[in-house]
Amino acid sequence: KMEDEEDEIEYEPEEFIVGEKSYSITTVAYLPIHVLMKNQGQGVEISGQKLWCGSLCIIQYLINYPTIVANSLVIELGAG
């Protein structure tokens, strides 16, 4: 493979379950750190196109312990 082909951002379908609901989204595939650094240097933003594991952990935790956020509005920003 040529280097440019290896550095292309690839997208893939991803499915996850939160509580009793199942979701399917298209997300950025795994990217090696050198590709992330190259894209950052070129001003390419991909972090908002990825479902990060930290987000899923927070969601599952709040489902398990709903009283923590009872009667509150919750927004998750950058839990990855």
C-alpha atoms as a PDB file:
ATOM      1  CA  LYS A   1       0.000   0.000   0.000  1.00  0.00           C
ATOM      2  CA  MET A   2       1.044   3.531  -0.595  1.00  0.00           C
ATOM      3  CA  GLU A   3       1.393   5.754   2.477  1.00  0.00           C
ATOM      4  CA  ASP A   4      -1.507   8.008   1.413  1.00  0.00           C
ATOM      5  CA  GLU A   5      -3.832   4.994   1.206  1.00  0.00           C
ATOM      6  CA  GLU A   6      -2.824   3.883   4.704  1.00  0.00           C
ATOM      7  CA  ASP A   7      -3.527   7.381   6.066  1.00  0.00           C
ATOM      8  CA  GLU A   8      -7.069   7.648   4.679  1.00  0.00           C
ATOM      9  CA  ILE A   9      -9.872   7.930   7.205  1.00  0.00           C
ATOM     10  CA  GLU A  10     -12.067   4.859   7.036  1.00  0.00           C
ATOM     11  CA  TYR A  11     -15.638   4.643   8.276  1.00  0.00           C
ATOM     12  CA  GLU A  12     -17.412   1.546   9.529  1.00  0.00           C
ATOM     13  CA  PRO A  13     -20.830   0.665  10.905  1.00  0.00           C
ATOM     14  CA  GLU A  14     -20.923   0.195  14.660  1.00  0.00           C
ATOM     15  CA  GLU A  15     -23.715  -1.211  16.794  1.00  0.00           C
ATOM     16  CA  PHE A  16     -24.108  -0.779  20.529  1.00  0.00           C
ATOM     17  CA  ILE A  17     -26.727  -1.383  23.199  1.00  0.00           C
ATOM     18  CA  VAL A  18     -27.699   1.101  25.891  1.00  0.00           C
ATOM     19  CA  GLY A  19     -30.151  -0.248  28.401  1.00  0.00           C
ATOM     20  CA  GLU A  20     -32.777  -2.062  26.367  1.00  0.00           C
ATOM     21  CA  LYS A  21     -32.214  -0.115  23.128  1.00  0.00           C
ATOM     22  CA  SER A  22     -29.907  -1.025  20.267  1.00  0.00           C
ATOM     23  CA  TYR A  23     -28.283   1.661  18.081  1.00  0.00           C
ATOM     24  CA  SER A  24     -26.431   1.516  14.786  1.00  0.00           C
ATOM     25  CA  ILE A  25     -24.196   4.363  13.618  1.00  0.00           C
ATOM     26  CA  THR A  26     -21.405   4.993  11.136  1.00  0.00           C
ATOM     27  CA  THR A  27     -18.203   5.913  12.898  1.00  0.00           C
ATOM     28  CA  VAL A  28     -14.520   6.442  12.192  1.00  0.00           C
ATOM     29  CA  ALA A  29     -12.615   3.170  12.186  1.00  0.00           C
ATOM     30  CA  TYR A  30      -9.499   2.670  14.324  1.00  0.00           C
ATOM     31  CA  LEU A  31      -6.807   5.180  13.455  1.00  0.00           C
ATOM     32  CA  PRO A  32      -3.122   4.808  14.340  1.00  0.00           C
ATOM     33  CA  ILE A  33      -1.669   7.731  16.292  1.00  0.00           C
ATOM     34  CA  HIS A  34       0.460   8.902  13.342  1.00  0.00           C
ATOM     35  CA  VAL A  35      -2.708   9.334  11.252  1.00  0.00           C
ATOM     36  CA  LEU A  36      -4.415  11.291  14.033  1.00  0.00           C
ATOM     37  CA  MET A  37      -1.363  13.549  14.362  1.00  0.00           C
ATOM     38  CA  LYS A  38      -1.158  14.089  10.594  1.00  0.00           C
ATOM     39  CA  ASN A  39      -4.846  14.991  10.413  1.00  0.00           C
ATOM     40  CA  GLN A  40      -4.521  17.361  13.381  1.00  0.00           C
ATOM     41  CA  GLY A  41      -1.673  19.131  11.616  1.00  0.00           C
ATOM     42  CA  GLN A  42      -3.862  19.543   8.527  1.00  0.00           C
ATOM     43  CA  GLY A  43      -6.837  20.823  10.528  1.00  0.00           C
ATOM     44  CA  VAL A  44      -8.938  17.673   9.965  1.00  0.00           C
ATOM     45  CA  GLU A  45     -11.335  17.061  12.872  1.00  0.00           C
ATOM     46  CA  ILE A  46     -12.557  13.485  13.343  1.00  0.00           C
ATOM     47  CA  SER A  47     -13.073  13.140  17.099  1.00  0.00           C
ATOM     48  CA  GLY A  48     -16.757  14.076  16.840  1.00  0.00           C
ATOM     49  CA  GLN A  49     -17.252  11.300  14.299  1.00  0.00           C
ATOM     50  CA  LYS A  50     -16.232   8.535  16.651  1.00  0.00           C
ATOM     51  CA  LEU A  51     -18.258   6.858  19.370  1.00  0.00           C
ATOM     52  CA  TRP A  52     -15.683   6.739  22.149  1.00  0.00           C
ATOM     53  CA  CYS A  53     -15.680   3.988  24.781  1.00  0.00           C
ATOM     54  CA  GLY A  54     -15.806   6.539  27.578  1.00  0.00           C
ATOM     55  CA  SER A  55     -19.219   7.711  26.371  1.00  0.00           C
ATOM     56  CA  LEU A  56     -20.612   4.197  26.524  1.00  0.00           C
ATOM     57  CA  CYS A  57     -19.175   3.697  30.004  1.00  0.00           C
ATOM     58  CA  ILE A  58     -20.808   6.881  31.276  1.00  0.00           C
ATOM     59  CA  ILE A  59     -24.154   5.931  29.725  1.00  0.00           C
ATOM     60  CA  GLN A  60     -24.081   2.448  31.243  1.00  0.00           C
ATOM     61  CA  TYR A  61     -23.058   3.806  34.643  1.00  0.00           C
ATOM     62  CA  LEU A  62     -25.944   6.288  34.651  1.00  0.00           C
ATOM     63  CA  ILE A  63     -28.374   3.560  33.604  1.00  0.00           C
ATOM     64  CA  ASN A  64     -27.157   1.453  36.542  1.00  0.00           C
ATOM     65  CA  TYR A  65     -27.296   4.389  38.997  1.00  0.00           C
ATOM     66  CA  PRO A  66     -30.037   6.737  37.740  1.00  0.00           C
ATOM     67  CA  THR A  67     -30.432   8.572  41.045  1.00  0.00           C
ATOM     68  CA  ILE A  68     -27.079  10.276  40.415  1.00  0.00           C
ATOM     69  CA  VAL A  69     -28.678  12.388  37.683  1.00  0.00           C
ATOM     70  CA  ALA A  70     -32.332  12.289  38.739  1.00  0.00           C
ATOM     71  CA  ASN A  71     -34.124  15.573  37.965  1.00  0.00           C
ATOM     72  CA  SER A  72     -31.078  16.823  36.041  1.00  0.00           C
ATOM     73  CA  LEU A  73     -30.205  17.603  32.457  1.00  0.00           C
ATOM     74  CA  VAL A  74     -27.101  15.737  31.330  1.00  0.00           C
ATOM     75  CA  ILE A  75     -24.808  16.491  28.412  1.00  0.00           C
ATOM     76  CA  GLU A  76     -21.683  14.501  27.667  1.00  0.00           C
ATOM     77  CA  LEU A  77     -18.848  16.438  26.075  1.00  0.00           C
ATOM     78  CA  GLY A  78     -15.671  14.638  25.206  1.00  0.00           C
ATOM     79  CA  ALA A  79     -15.806  11.609  27.448  1.00  0.00           C
ATOM     80  CA  GLY A  80     -13.329   9.775  25.218  1.00  0.00           C
END
